[in-house]
Full PDB file with SEQRES, HELIX, SHEET, SSBOND, CRYST1, ORIGX, SCALE, CONECT and MASTER records, all heavy atoms in Angstrom:
SEQRES   1 A   39  ALA PHE GLY GLY SER PHE PRO ARG ARG GLU SER TYR ASP          
SEQRES   2 A   39  PHE VAL LYS GLU LYS VAL GLU TYR THR PHE TYR ASP PRO          
SEQRES   3 A   39  GLN THR ALA THR LYS GLU LEU VAL ASP GLU VAL PHE GLY          
HELIX    1 AA1 TYR A   12  TYR A   21  1                                  10    
HELIX    2 AA2 PRO A   26  THR A   28  5                                   3    
HELIX    3 AA3 LYS A   31  PHE A   38  1                                   8    
CRYST1    1.000    1.000    1.000  90.00  90.00  90.00 P 1           1          
ORIGX1      1.000000  0.000000  0.000000        0.00000                         
ORIGX2      0.000000  1.000000  0.000000        0.00000                         
ORIGX3      0.000000  0.000000  1.000000        0.00000                         
SCALE1      1.000000  0.000000  0.000000        0.00000                         
SCALE2      0.000000  1.000000  0.000000        0.00000                         
SCALE3      0.000000  0.000000  1.000000        0.00000                         
ATOM      1  N   ALA A   1     -44.875  32.430  27.416  1.00  0.00           N  
ATOM      2  CA  ALA A   1     -45.443  33.764  27.208  1.00  0.00           C  
ATOM      3  C   ALA A   1     -44.516  34.861  27.717  1.00  0.00           C  
ATOM      4  O   ALA A   1     -43.721  34.647  28.629  1.00  0.00           O  
ATOM      5  CB  ALA A   1     -46.790  33.856  27.911  1.00  0.00           C  
ATOM      6  N   PHE A   2     -44.687  36.034  27.138  1.00  0.00           N  
ATOM      7  CA  PHE A   2     -43.817  37.177  27.439  1.00  0.00           C  
ATOM      8  C   PHE A   2     -43.723  37.439  28.939  1.00  0.00           C  
ATOM      9  O   PHE A   2     -42.738  37.906  29.430  1.00  0.00           O  
ATOM     10  CB  PHE A   2     -44.332  38.422  26.725  1.00  0.00           C  
ATOM     11  CG  PHE A   2     -43.399  39.598  26.818  1.00  0.00           C  
ATOM     12  CD1 PHE A   2     -42.373  39.764  25.895  1.00  0.00           C  
ATOM     13  CD2 PHE A   2     -43.507  40.513  27.845  1.00  0.00           C  
ATOM     14  CE1 PHE A   2     -41.502  40.837  25.988  1.00  0.00           C  
ATOM     15  CE2 PHE A   2     -42.638  41.581  27.941  1.00  0.00           C  
ATOM     16  CZ  PHE A   2     -41.635  41.749  27.006  1.00  0.00           C  
ATOM     17  N   GLY A   3     -44.733  37.084  29.655  1.00  0.00           N  
ATOM     18  CA  GLY A   3     -44.646  37.289  31.094  1.00  0.00           C  
ATOM     19  C   GLY A   3     -45.790  36.650  31.833  1.00  0.00           C  
ATOM     20  O   GLY A   3     -45.614  36.115  32.906  1.00  0.00           O  
ATOM     21  N   GLY A   4     -46.994  36.708  31.247  1.00  0.00           N  
ATOM     22  CA  GLY A   4     -48.165  36.292  32.013  1.00  0.00           C  
ATOM     23  C   GLY A   4     -48.520  37.373  33.023  1.00  0.00           C  
ATOM     24  O   GLY A   4     -49.664  37.666  33.300  1.00  0.00           O  
ATOM     25  N   SER A   5     -47.477  37.995  33.548  1.00  0.00           N  
ATOM     26  CA  SER A   5     -47.638  39.188  34.384  1.00  0.00           C  
ATOM     27  C   SER A   5     -46.327  39.965  34.279  1.00  0.00           C  
ATOM     28  O   SER A   5     -45.347  39.468  33.761  1.00  0.00           O  
ATOM     29  CB  SER A   5     -47.902  38.801  35.841  1.00  0.00           C  
ATOM     30  OG  SER A   5     -46.756  38.177  36.376  1.00  0.00           O  
ATOM     31  N   PHE A   6     -46.355  41.198  34.752  1.00  0.00           N  
ATOM     32  CA  PHE A   6     -45.126  42.000  34.739  1.00  0.00           C  
ATOM     33  C   PHE A   6     -44.835  42.461  36.158  1.00  0.00           C  
ATOM     34  O   PHE A   6     -45.161  43.568  36.553  1.00  0.00           O  
ATOM     35  CB  PHE A   6     -45.281  43.211  33.802  1.00  0.00           C  
ATOM     36  CG  PHE A   6     -45.357  42.836  32.366  1.00  0.00           C  
ATOM     37  CD1 PHE A   6     -46.575  42.707  31.728  1.00  0.00           C  
ATOM     38  CD2 PHE A   6     -44.203  42.583  31.643  1.00  0.00           C  
ATOM     39  CE1 PHE A   6     -46.644  42.348  30.396  1.00  0.00           C  
ATOM     40  CE2 PHE A   6     -44.263  42.216  30.308  1.00  0.00           C  
ATOM     41  CZ  PHE A   6     -45.493  42.095  29.688  1.00  0.00           C  
ATOM     42  N   PRO A   7     -44.226  41.573  36.965  1.00  0.00           N  
ATOM     43  CA  PRO A   7     -44.048  41.909  38.381  1.00  0.00           C  
ATOM     44  C   PRO A   7     -43.166  43.133  38.600  1.00  0.00           C  
ATOM     45  O   PRO A   7     -43.305  43.804  39.609  1.00  0.00           O  
ATOM     46  CB  PRO A   7     -43.389  40.647  38.956  1.00  0.00           C  
ATOM     47  CG  PRO A   7     -42.796  39.931  37.779  1.00  0.00           C  
ATOM     48  CD  PRO A   7     -43.682  40.258  36.623  1.00  0.00           C  
ATOM     49  N   ARG A   8     -42.287  43.407  37.628  1.00  0.00           N  
ATOM     50  CA  ARG A   8     -41.394  44.557  37.816  1.00  0.00           C  
ATOM     51  C   ARG A   8     -41.415  45.425  36.562  1.00  0.00           C  
ATOM     52  O   ARG A   8     -40.381  45.804  36.029  1.00  0.00           O  
ATOM     53  CB  ARG A   8     -39.980  44.058  38.116  1.00  0.00           C  
ATOM     54  CG  ARG A   8     -39.863  43.416  39.494  1.00  0.00           C  
ATOM     55  CD  ARG A   8     -38.634  42.556  39.644  1.00  0.00           C  
ATOM     56  NE  ARG A   8     -37.433  43.185  39.131  1.00  0.00           N  
ATOM     57  CZ  ARG A   8     -36.456  42.524  38.523  1.00  0.00           C  
ATOM     58  NH1 ARG A   8     -36.549  41.225  38.331  1.00  0.00           N  
ATOM     59  NH2 ARG A   8     -35.385  43.147  38.091  1.00  0.00           N  
ATOM     60  N   ARG A   9     -42.616  45.741  36.104  1.00  0.00           N  
ATOM     61  CA  ARG A   9     -42.711  46.449  34.830  1.00  0.00           C  
ATOM     62  C   ARG A   9     -42.163  47.873  34.898  1.00  0.00           C  
ATOM     63  O   ARG A   9     -41.797  48.439  33.888  1.00  0.00           O  
ATOM     64  CB  ARG A   9     -44.153  46.437  34.308  1.00  0.00           C  
ATOM     65  CG  ARG A   9     -45.171  47.123  35.157  1.00  0.00           C  
ATOM     66  CD  ARG A   9     -46.573  46.771  34.679  1.00  0.00           C  
ATOM     67  NE  ARG A   9     -47.608  47.207  35.603  1.00  0.00           N  
ATOM     68  CZ  ARG A   9     -48.390  48.253  35.421  1.00  0.00           C  
ATOM     69  NH1 ARG A   9     -48.255  49.006  34.360  1.00  0.00           N  
ATOM     70  NH2 ARG A   9     -49.307  48.568  36.302  1.00  0.00           N  
ATOM     71  N   GLU A  10     -42.107  48.430  36.126  1.00  0.00           N  
ATOM     72  CA  GLU A  10     -41.562  49.789  36.226  1.00  0.00           C  
ATOM     73  C   GLU A  10     -40.028  49.784  36.172  1.00  0.00           C  
ATOM     74  O   GLU A  10     -39.394  50.824  36.100  1.00  0.00           O  
ATOM     75  CB  GLU A  10     -42.068  50.491  37.496  1.00  0.00           C  
ATOM     76  CG  GLU A  10     -41.612  49.898  38.813  1.00  0.00           C  
ATOM     77  CD  GLU A  10     -42.278  48.546  39.139  1.00  0.00           C  
ATOM     78  OE1 GLU A  10     -43.383  48.291  38.641  1.00  0.00           O  
ATOM     79  OE2 GLU A  10     -41.669  47.755  39.884  1.00  0.00           O  
ATOM     80  N   SER A  11     -39.426  48.573  36.204  1.00  0.00           N  
ATOM     81  CA  SER A  11     -37.966  48.471  36.131  1.00  0.00           C  
ATOM     82  C   SER A  11     -37.525  48.368  34.670  1.00  0.00           C  
ATOM     83  O   SER A  11     -37.835  47.394  33.989  1.00  0.00           O  
ATOM     84  CB  SER A  11     -37.485  47.239  36.908  1.00  0.00           C  
ATOM     85  OG  SER A  11     -36.184  46.883  36.483  1.00  0.00           O  
ATOM     86  N   TYR A  12     -36.799  49.352  34.202  1.00  0.00           N  
ATOM     87  CA  TYR A  12     -36.344  49.368  32.800  1.00  0.00           C  
ATOM     88  C   TYR A  12     -35.446  48.163  32.515  1.00  0.00           C  
ATOM     89  O   TYR A  12     -35.568  47.520  31.470  1.00  0.00           O  
ATOM     90  CB  TYR A  12     -35.594  50.673  32.515  1.00  0.00           C  
ATOM     91  CG  TYR A  12     -35.241  50.850  31.055  1.00  0.00           C  
ATOM     92  CD1 TYR A  12     -36.149  51.401  30.157  1.00  0.00           C  
ATOM     93  CD2 TYR A  12     -33.990  50.461  30.556  1.00  0.00           C  
ATOM     94  CE1 TYR A  12     -35.838  51.567  28.810  1.00  0.00           C  
ATOM     95  CE2 TYR A  12     -33.668  50.617  29.223  1.00  0.00           C  
ATOM     96  CZ  TYR A  12     -34.595  51.174  28.352  1.00  0.00           C  
ATOM     97  OH  TYR A  12     -34.279  51.320  27.024  1.00  0.00           O  
ATOM     98  N   ASP A  13     -34.577  47.836  33.482  1.00  0.00           N  
ATOM     99  CA  ASP A  13     -33.654  46.714  33.270  1.00  0.00           C  
ATOM    100  C   ASP A  13     -34.403  45.385  33.153  1.00  0.00           C  
ATOM    101  O   ASP A  13     -34.019  44.513  32.375  1.00  0.00           O  
ATOM    102  CB  ASP A  13     -32.629  46.634  34.419  1.00  0.00           C  
ATOM    103  CG  ASP A  13     -31.588  47.736  34.324  1.00  0.00           C  
ATOM    104  OD1 ASP A  13     -31.463  48.323  33.229  1.00  0.00           O  
ATOM    105  OD2 ASP A  13     -30.920  48.025  35.330  1.00  0.00           O  
ATOM    106  N   PHE A  14     -35.475  45.244  33.924  1.00  0.00           N  
ATOM    107  CA  PHE A  14     -36.292  44.023  33.863  1.00  0.00           C  
ATOM    108  C   PHE A  14     -36.932  43.887  32.474  1.00  0.00           C  
ATOM    109  O   PHE A  14     -36.899  42.818  31.856  1.00  0.00           O  
ATOM    110  CB  PHE A  14     -37.371  44.073  34.948  1.00  0.00           C  
ATOM    111  CG  PHE A  14     -38.376  42.953  34.852  1.00  0.00           C  
ATOM    112  CD1 PHE A  14     -38.056  41.671  35.262  1.00  0.00           C  
ATOM    113  CD2 PHE A  14     -39.655  43.198  34.353  1.00  0.00           C  
ATOM    114  CE1 PHE A  14     -38.994  40.636  35.182  1.00  0.00           C  
ATOM    115  CE2 PHE A  14     -40.594  42.174  34.266  1.00  0.00           C  
ATOM    116  CZ  PHE A  14     -40.261  40.894  34.682  1.00  0.00           C  
ATOM    117  N   VAL A  15     -37.505  44.977  31.987  1.00  0.00           N  
ATOM    118  CA  VAL A  15     -38.150  44.957  30.665  1.00  0.00           C  
ATOM    119  C   VAL A  15     -37.100  44.712  29.580  1.00  0.00           C  
ATOM    120  O   VAL A  15     -37.322  43.933  28.641  1.00  0.00           O  
ATOM    121  CB  VAL A  15     -38.926  46.276  30.409  1.00  0.00           C  
ATOM    122  CG1 VAL A  15     -39.458  46.334  28.978  1.00  0.00           C  
ATOM    123  CG2 VAL A  15     -40.086  46.410  31.402  1.00  0.00           C  
ATOM    124  N   LYS A  16     -35.934  45.336  29.727  1.00  0.00           N  
ATOM    125  CA  LYS A  16     -34.849  45.146  28.755  1.00  0.00           C  
ATOM    126  C   LYS A  16     -34.453  43.668  28.688  1.00  0.00           C  
ATOM    127  O   LYS A  16     -34.282  43.099  27.603  1.00  0.00           O  
ATOM    128  CB  LYS A  16     -33.647  45.998  29.167  1.00  0.00           C  
ATOM    129  CG  LYS A  16     -32.437  45.901  28.245  1.00  0.00           C  
ATOM    130  CD  LYS A  16     -31.409  46.978  28.633  1.00  0.00           C  
ATOM    131  CE  LYS A  16     -30.199  46.943  27.710  1.00  0.00           C  
ATOM    132  NZ  LYS A  16     -29.226  45.919  28.090  1.00  0.00           N  
ATOM    133  N   GLU A  17     -34.345  43.052  29.852  1.00  0.00           N  
ATOM    134  CA  GLU A  17     -33.981  41.625  29.924  1.00  0.00           C  
ATOM    135  C   GLU A  17     -35.044  40.757  29.223  1.00  0.00           C  
ATOM    136  O   GLU A  17     -34.719  39.816  28.501  1.00  0.00           O  
ATOM    137  CB  GLU A  17     -33.898  41.246  31.409  1.00  0.00           C  
ATOM    138  CG  GLU A  17     -33.243  39.919  31.697  1.00  0.00           C  
ATOM    139  CD  GLU A  17     -33.206  39.679  33.211  1.00  0.00           C  
ATOM    140  OE1 GLU A  17     -32.547  40.466  33.931  1.00  0.00           O  
ATOM    141  OE2 GLU A  17     -33.861  38.730  33.654  1.00  0.00           O  
ATOM    142  N   LYS A  18     -36.327  41.108  29.419  1.00  0.00           N  
ATOM    143  CA  LYS A  18     -37.426  40.374  28.792  1.00  0.00           C  
ATOM    144  C   LYS A  18     -37.382  40.506  27.266  1.00  0.00           C  
ATOM    145  O   LYS A  18     -37.631  39.532  26.544  1.00  0.00           O  
ATOM    146  CB  LYS A  18     -38.776  40.891  29.310  1.00  0.00           C  
ATOM    147  CG  LYS A  18     -39.142  40.383  30.687  1.00  0.00           C  
ATOM    148  CD  LYS A  18     -39.650  38.954  30.607  1.00  0.00           C  
ATOM    149  CE  LYS A  18     -40.216  38.467  31.920  1.00  0.00           C  
ATOM    150  NZ  LYS A  18     -40.603  37.054  31.841  1.00  0.00           N  
ATOM    151  N   VAL A  19     -37.094  41.711  26.795  1.00  0.00           N  
ATOM    152  CA  VAL A  19     -37.040  41.935  25.344  1.00  0.00           C  
ATOM    153  C   VAL A  19     -35.838  41.195  24.754  1.00  0.00           C  
ATOM    154  O   VAL A  19     -35.944  40.546  23.708  1.00  0.00           O  
ATOM    155  CB  VAL A  19     -36.981  43.447  25.005  1.00  0.00           C  
ATOM    156  CG1 VAL A  19     -36.853  43.662  23.497  1.00  0.00           C  
ATOM    157  CG2 VAL A  19     -38.227  44.161  25.516  1.00  0.00           C  
ATOM    158  N   GLU A  20     -34.702  41.245  25.435  1.00  0.00           N  
ATOM    159  CA  GLU A  20     -33.503  40.528  24.966  1.00  0.00           C  
ATOM    160  C   GLU A  20     -33.736  39.026  24.886  1.00  0.00           C  
ATOM    161  O   GLU A  20     -33.200  38.350  24.013  1.00  0.00           O  
ATOM    162  CB  GLU A  20     -32.312  40.833  25.902  1.00  0.00           C  
ATOM    163  CG  GLU A  20     -31.770  42.236  25.732  1.00  0.00           C  
ATOM    164  CD  GLU A  20     -30.683  42.578  26.751  1.00  0.00           C  
ATOM    165  OE1 GLU A  20     -30.508  41.823  27.736  1.00  0.00           O  
ATOM    166  OE2 GLU A  20     -30.024  43.615  26.558  1.00  0.00           O  
ATOM    167  N   TYR A  21     -34.557  38.504  25.794  1.00  0.00           N  
ATOM    168  CA  TYR A  21     -34.877  37.076  25.840  1.00  0.00           C  
ATOM    169  C   TYR A  21     -35.542  36.603  24.539  1.00  0.00           C  
ATOM    170  O   TYR A  21     -35.464  35.433  24.175  1.00  0.00           O  
ATOM    171  CB  TYR A  21     -35.812  36.841  27.033  1.00  0.00           C  
ATOM    172  CG  TYR A  21     -36.153  35.400  27.323  1.00  0.00           C  
ATOM    173  CD1 TYR A  21     -35.236  34.548  27.938  1.00  0.00           C  
ATOM    174  CD2 TYR A  21     -37.420  34.883  27.014  1.00  0.00           C  
ATOM    175  CE1 TYR A  21     -35.559  33.232  28.235  1.00  0.00           C  
ATOM    176  CE2 TYR A  21     -37.751  33.559  27.304  1.00  0.00           C  
ATOM    177  CZ  TYR A  21     -36.812  32.743  27.913  1.00  0.00           C  
ATOM    178  OH  TYR A  21     -37.143  31.444  28.208  1.00  0.00           O  
ATOM    179  N   THR A  22     -36.170  37.534  23.836  1.00  0.00           N  
ATOM    180  CA  THR A  22     -36.856  37.231  22.570  1.00  0.00           C  
ATOM    181  C   THR A  22     -35.864  36.813  21.482  1.00  0.00           C  
ATOM    182  O   THR A  22     -36.228  36.094  20.557  1.00  0.00           O  
ATOM    183  CB  THR A  22     -37.636  38.488  22.092  1.00  0.00           C  
ATOM    184  OG1 THR A  22     -38.473  38.924  23.166  1.00  0.00           O  
ATOM    185  CG2 THR A  22     -38.496  38.195  20.884  1.00  0.00           C  
ATOM    186  N   PHE A  23     -34.624  37.271  21.596  1.00  0.00           N  
ATOM    187  CA  PHE A  23     -33.650  37.081  20.519  1.00  0.00           C  
ATOM    188  C   PHE A  23     -32.505  36.160  20.948  1.00  0.00           C  
ATOM    189  O   PHE A  23     -32.226  36.004  22.133  1.00  0.00           O  
ATOM    190  CB  PHE A  23     -33.067  38.439  20.093  1.00  0.00           C  
ATOM    191  CG  PHE A  23     -34.122  39.442  19.696  1.00  0.00           C  
ATOM    192  CD1 PHE A  23     -34.493  40.463  20.554  1.00  0.00           C  
ATOM    193  CD2 PHE A  23     -34.761  39.348  18.461  1.00  0.00           C  
ATOM    194  CE1 PHE A  23     -35.472  41.379  20.199  1.00  0.00           C  
ATOM    195  CE2 PHE A  23     -35.741  40.251  18.096  1.00  0.00           C  
ATOM    196  CZ  PHE A  23     -36.093  41.268  18.968  1.00  0.00           C  
ATOM    197  N   TYR A  24     -31.834  35.595  19.955  1.00  0.00           N  
ATOM    198  CA  TYR A  24     -30.613  34.835  20.223  1.00  0.00           C  
ATOM    199  C   TYR A  24     -29.492  35.810  20.610  1.00  0.00           C  
ATOM    200  O   TYR A  24     -28.784  35.612  21.585  1.00  0.00           O  
ATOM    201  CB  TYR A  24     -30.221  34.023  18.983  1.00  0.00           C  
ATOM    202  CG  TYR A  24     -28.862  33.373  19.096  1.00  0.00           C  
ATOM    203  CD1 TYR A  24     -28.702  32.200  19.836  1.00  0.00           C  
ATOM    204  CD2 TYR A  24     -27.734  33.923  18.472  1.00  0.00           C  
ATOM    205  CE1 TYR A  24     -27.456  31.597  19.963  1.00  0.00           C  
ATOM    206  CE2 TYR A  24     -26.491  33.326  18.589  1.00  0.00           C  
ATOM    207  CZ  TYR A  24     -26.348  32.165  19.333  1.00  0.00           C  
ATOM    208  OH  TYR A  24     -25.122  31.582  19.443  1.00  0.00           O  
ATOM    209  N   ASP A  25     -29.372  36.867  19.819  1.00  0.00           N  
ATOM    210  CA  ASP A  25     -28.357  37.894  20.088  1.00  0.00           C  
ATOM    211  C   ASP A  25     -29.036  39.069  20.793  1.00  0.00           C  
ATOM    212  O   ASP A  25     -29.834  39.777  20.187  1.00  0.00           O  
ATOM    213  CB  ASP A  25     -27.744  38.370  18.764  1.00  0.00           C  
ATOM    214  CG  ASP A  25     -26.709  39.463  18.960  1.00  0.00           C  
ATOM    215  OD1 ASP A  25     -26.426  39.826  20.128  1.00  0.00           O  
ATOM    216  OD2 ASP A  25     -26.192  39.981  17.946  1.00  0.00           O  
ATOM    217  N   PRO A  26     -28.733  39.274  22.083  1.00  0.00           N  
ATOM    218  CA  PRO A  26     -29.409  40.349  22.820  1.00  0.00           C  
ATOM    219  C   PRO A  26     -29.210  41.733  22.202  1.00  0.00           C  
ATOM    220  O   PRO A  26     -30.010  42.636  22.428  1.00  0.00           O  
ATOM    221  CB  PRO A  26     -28.786  40.278  24.219  1.00  0.00           C  
ATOM    222  CG  PRO A  26     -27.596  39.392  24.107  1.00  0.00           C  
ATOM    223  CD  PRO A  26     -27.783  38.523  22.911  1.00  0.00           C  
ATOM    224  N   GLN A  27     -28.157  41.886  21.377  1.00  0.00           N  
ATOM    225  CA  GLN A  27     -27.919  43.178  20.715  1.00  0.00           C  
ATOM    226  C   GLN A  27     -29.057  43.557  19.766  1.00  0.00           C  
ATOM    227  O   GLN A  27     -29.227  44.724  19.416  1.00  0.00           O  
ATOM    228  CB  GLN A  27     -26.601  43.142  19.928  1.00  0.00           C  
ATOM    229  CG  GLN A  27     -25.357  42.949  20.773  1.00  0.00           C  
ATOM    230  CD  GLN A  27     -25.158  44.074  21.771  1.00  0.00           C  
ATOM    231  OE1 GLN A  27     -25.210  45.243  21.428  1.00  0.00           O  
ATOM    232  NE2 GLN A  27     -24.959  43.715  23.036  1.00  0.00           N  
ATOM    233  N   THR A  28     -29.846  42.553  19.338  1.00  0.00           N  
ATOM    234  CA  THR A  28     -30.980  42.830  18.447  1.00  0.00           C  
ATOM    235  C   THR A  28     -32.021  43.683  19.160  1.00  0.00           C  
ATOM    236  O   THR A  28     -32.791  44.400  18.520  1.00  0.00           O  
ATOM    237  CB  THR A  28     -31.626  41.502  17.958  1.00  0.00           C  
ATOM    238  OG1 THR A  28     -30.587  40.624  17.522  1.00  0.00           O  
ATOM    239  CG2 THR A  28     -32.592  41.723  16.817  1.00  0.00           C  
ATOM    240  N   ALA A  29     -32.046  43.591  20.487  1.00  0.00           N  
ATOM    241  CA  ALA A  29     -32.984  44.403  21.286  1.00  0.00           C  
ATOM    242  C   ALA A  29     -32.414  45.815  21.420  1.00  0.00           C  
ATOM    243  O   ALA A  29     -31.765  46.158  22.403  1.00  0.00           O  
ATOM    244  CB  ALA A  29     -33.192  43.768  22.654  1.00  0.00           C  
ATOM    245  N   THR A  30     -32.651  46.621  20.412  1.00  0.00           N  
ATOM    246  CA  THR A  30     -32.131  47.991  20.398  1.00  0.00           C  
ATOM    247  C   THR A  30     -32.791  48.816  21.501  1.00  0.00           C  
ATOM    248  O   THR A  30     -33.872  48.468  21.994  1.00  0.00           O  
ATOM    249  CB  THR A  30     -32.428  48.667  19.040  1.00  0.00           C  
ATOM    250  OG1 THR A  30     -33.856  48.690  18.863  1.00  0.00           O  
ATOM    251  CG2 THR A  30     -31.770  47.910  17.897  1.00  0.00           C  
ATOM    252  N   LYS A  31     -32.155  49.939  21.840  1.00  0.00           N  
ATOM    253  CA  LYS A  31     -32.737  50.818  22.856  1.00  0.00           C  
ATOM    254  C   LYS A  31     -34.115  51.296  22.410  1.00  0.00           C  
ATOM    255  O   LYS A  31     -35.052  51.374  23.213  1.00  0.00           O  
ATOM    256  CB  LYS A  31     -31.816  52.011  23.101  1.00  0.00           C  
ATOM    257  CG  LYS A  31     -32.328  52.908  24.215  1.00  0.00           C  
ATOM    258  CD  LYS A  31     -31.386  54.034  24.540  1.00  0.00           C  
ATOM    259  CE  LYS A  31     -31.893  54.828  25.751  1.00  0.00           C  
ATOM    260  NZ  LYS A  31     -33.265  55.341  25.618  1.00  0.00           N  
ATOM    261  N   GLU A  32     -34.254  51.563  21.107  1.00  0.00           N  
ATOM    262  CA  GLU A  32     -35.537  52.018  20.570  1.00  0.00           C  
ATOM    263  C   GLU A  32     -36.645  50.984  20.826  1.00  0.00           C  
ATOM    264  O   GLU A  32     -37.750  51.312  21.239  1.00  0.00           O  
ATOM    265  CB  GLU A  32     -35.383  52.263  19.061  1.00  0.00           C  
ATOM    266  CG  GLU A  32     -36.606  52.850  18.399  1.00  0.00           C  
ATOM    267  CD  GLU A  32     -36.420  52.991  16.895  1.00  0.00           C  
ATOM    268  OE1 GLU A  32     -35.521  52.332  16.317  1.00  0.00           O  
ATOM    269  OE2 GLU A  32     -37.190  53.749  16.301  1.00  0.00           O  
ATOM    270  N   LEU A  33     -36.290  49.718  20.601  1.00  0.00           N  
ATOM    271  CA  LEU A  33     -37.253  48.629  20.802  1.00  0.00           C  
ATOM    272  C   LEU A  33     -37.597  48.473  22.279  1.00  0.00           C  
ATOM    273  O   LEU A  33     -38.771  48.333  22.652  1.00  0.00           O  
ATOM    274  CB  LEU A  33     -36.678  47.322  20.237  1.00  0.00           C  
ATOM    275  CG  LEU A  33     -37.610  46.113  20.177  1.00  0.00           C  
ATOM    276  CD1 LEU A  33     -38.804  46.384  19.286  1.00  0.00           C  
ATOM    277  CD2 LEU A  33     -36.848  44.890  19.674  1.00  0.00           C  
ATOM    278  N   VAL A  34     -36.571  48.492  23.131  1.00  0.00           N  
ATOM    279  CA  VAL A  34     -36.800  48.365  24.577  1.00  0.00           C  
ATOM    280  C   VAL A  34     -37.647  49.538  25.081  1.00  0.00           C  
ATOM    281  O   VAL A  34     -38.592  49.350  25.859  1.00  0.00           O  
ATOM    282  CB  VAL A  34     -35.468  48.273  25.353  1.00  0.00           C  
ATOM    283  CG1 VAL A  34     -35.717  48.244  26.868  1.00  0.00           C  
ATOM    284  CG2 VAL A  34     -34.678  47.033  24.930  1.00  0.00           C  
ATOM    285  N   ASP A  35     -37.339  50.745  24.618  1.00  0.00           N  
ATOM    286  CA  ASP A  35     -38.124  51.933  25.007  1.00  0.00           C  
ATOM    287  C   ASP A  35     -39.593  51.766  24.640  1.00  0.00           C  
ATOM    288  O   ASP A  35     -40.491  52.113  25.415  1.00  0.00           O  
ATOM    289  CB  ASP A  35     -37.579  53.190  24.315  1.00  0.00           C  
ATOM    290  CG  ASP A  35     -36.246  53.658  24.891  1.00  0.00           C  
ATOM    291  OD1 ASP A  35     -35.838  53.116  25.948  1.00  0.00           O  
ATOM    292  OD2 ASP A  35     -35.612  54.538  24.285  1.00  0.00           O  
ATOM    293  N   GLU A  36     -39.812  51.225  23.441  1.00  0.00           N  
ATOM    294  CA  GLU A  36     -41.181  51.041  22.950  1.00  0.00           C  
ATOM    295  C   GLU A  36     -41.955  50.064  23.834  1.00  0.00           C  
ATOM    296  O   GLU A  36     -43.092  50.332  24.241  1.00  0.00           O  
ATOM    297  CB  GLU A  36     -41.124  50.519  21.509  1.00  0.00           C  
ATOM    298  CG  GLU A  36     -42.449  50.567  20.791  1.00  0.00           C  
ATOM    299  CD  GLU A  36     -42.298  50.179  19.318  1.00  0.00           C  
ATOM    300  OE1 GLU A  36     -41.199  50.334  18.750  1.00  0.00           O  
ATOM    301  OE2 GLU A  36     -43.293  49.713  18.764  1.00  0.00           O  
ATOM    302  N   VAL A  37     -41.320  48.920  24.152  1.00  0.00           N  
ATOM    303  CA  VAL A  37     -41.979  47.916  24.997  1.00  0.00           C  
ATOM    304  C   VAL A  37     -42.157  48.449  26.416  1.00  0.00           C  
ATOM    305  O   VAL A  37     -43.204  48.250  27.047  1.00  0.00           O  
ATOM    306  CB  VAL A  37     -41.187  46.584  24.990  1.00  0.00           C  
ATOM    307  CG1 VAL A  37     -41.799  45.587  25.976  1.00  0.00           C  
ATOM    308  CG2 VAL A  37     -41.161  45.984  23.583  1.00  0.00           C  
ATOM    309  N   PHE A  38     -41.157  49.167  26.926  1.00  0.00           N  
ATOM    310  CA  PHE A  38     -41.239  49.752  28.271  1.00  0.00           C  
ATOM    311  C   PHE A  38     -42.441  50.699  28.356  1.00  0.00           C  
ATOM    312  O   PHE A  38     -43.196  50.688  29.330  1.00  0.00           O  
ATOM    313  CB  PHE A  38     -39.941  50.501  28.596  1.00  0.00           C  
ATOM    314  CG  PHE A  38     -39.899  51.052  29.995  1.00  0.00           C  
ATOM    315  CD1 PHE A  38     -39.718  50.210  31.083  1.00  0.00           C  
ATOM    316  CD2 PHE A  38     -40.032  52.416  30.223  1.00  0.00           C  
ATOM    317  CE1 PHE A  38     -39.676  50.714  32.381  1.00  0.00           C  
ATOM    318  CE2 PHE A  38     -39.992  52.931  31.515  1.00  0.00           C  
ATOM    319  CZ  PHE A  38     -39.814  52.072  32.594  1.00  0.00           C  
ATOM    320  N   GLY A  39     -42.623  51.492  27.297  1.00  0.00           N  
ATOM    321  CA  GLY A  39     -43.771  52.405  27.245  1.00  0.00           C  
ATOM    322  C   GLY A  39     -45.087  51.648  27.272  1.00  0.00           C  
ATOM    323  O   GLY A  39     -46.034  52.026  27.971  1.00  0.00           O  
TER     324      GLY A  39                                                      
MASTER        0    0    0    3    0    0    0    6  323    1    0    3          
END                                                                             
């Protein structure tokens, strides 16, 4: 699961790392996508 919890959800880098984990190529996790999930 995406997290089960978000222990560091206020950390942008943590959320970015989680979104990148979804893809084989971390570049697929665009800033727009990371911003959306962070929000």
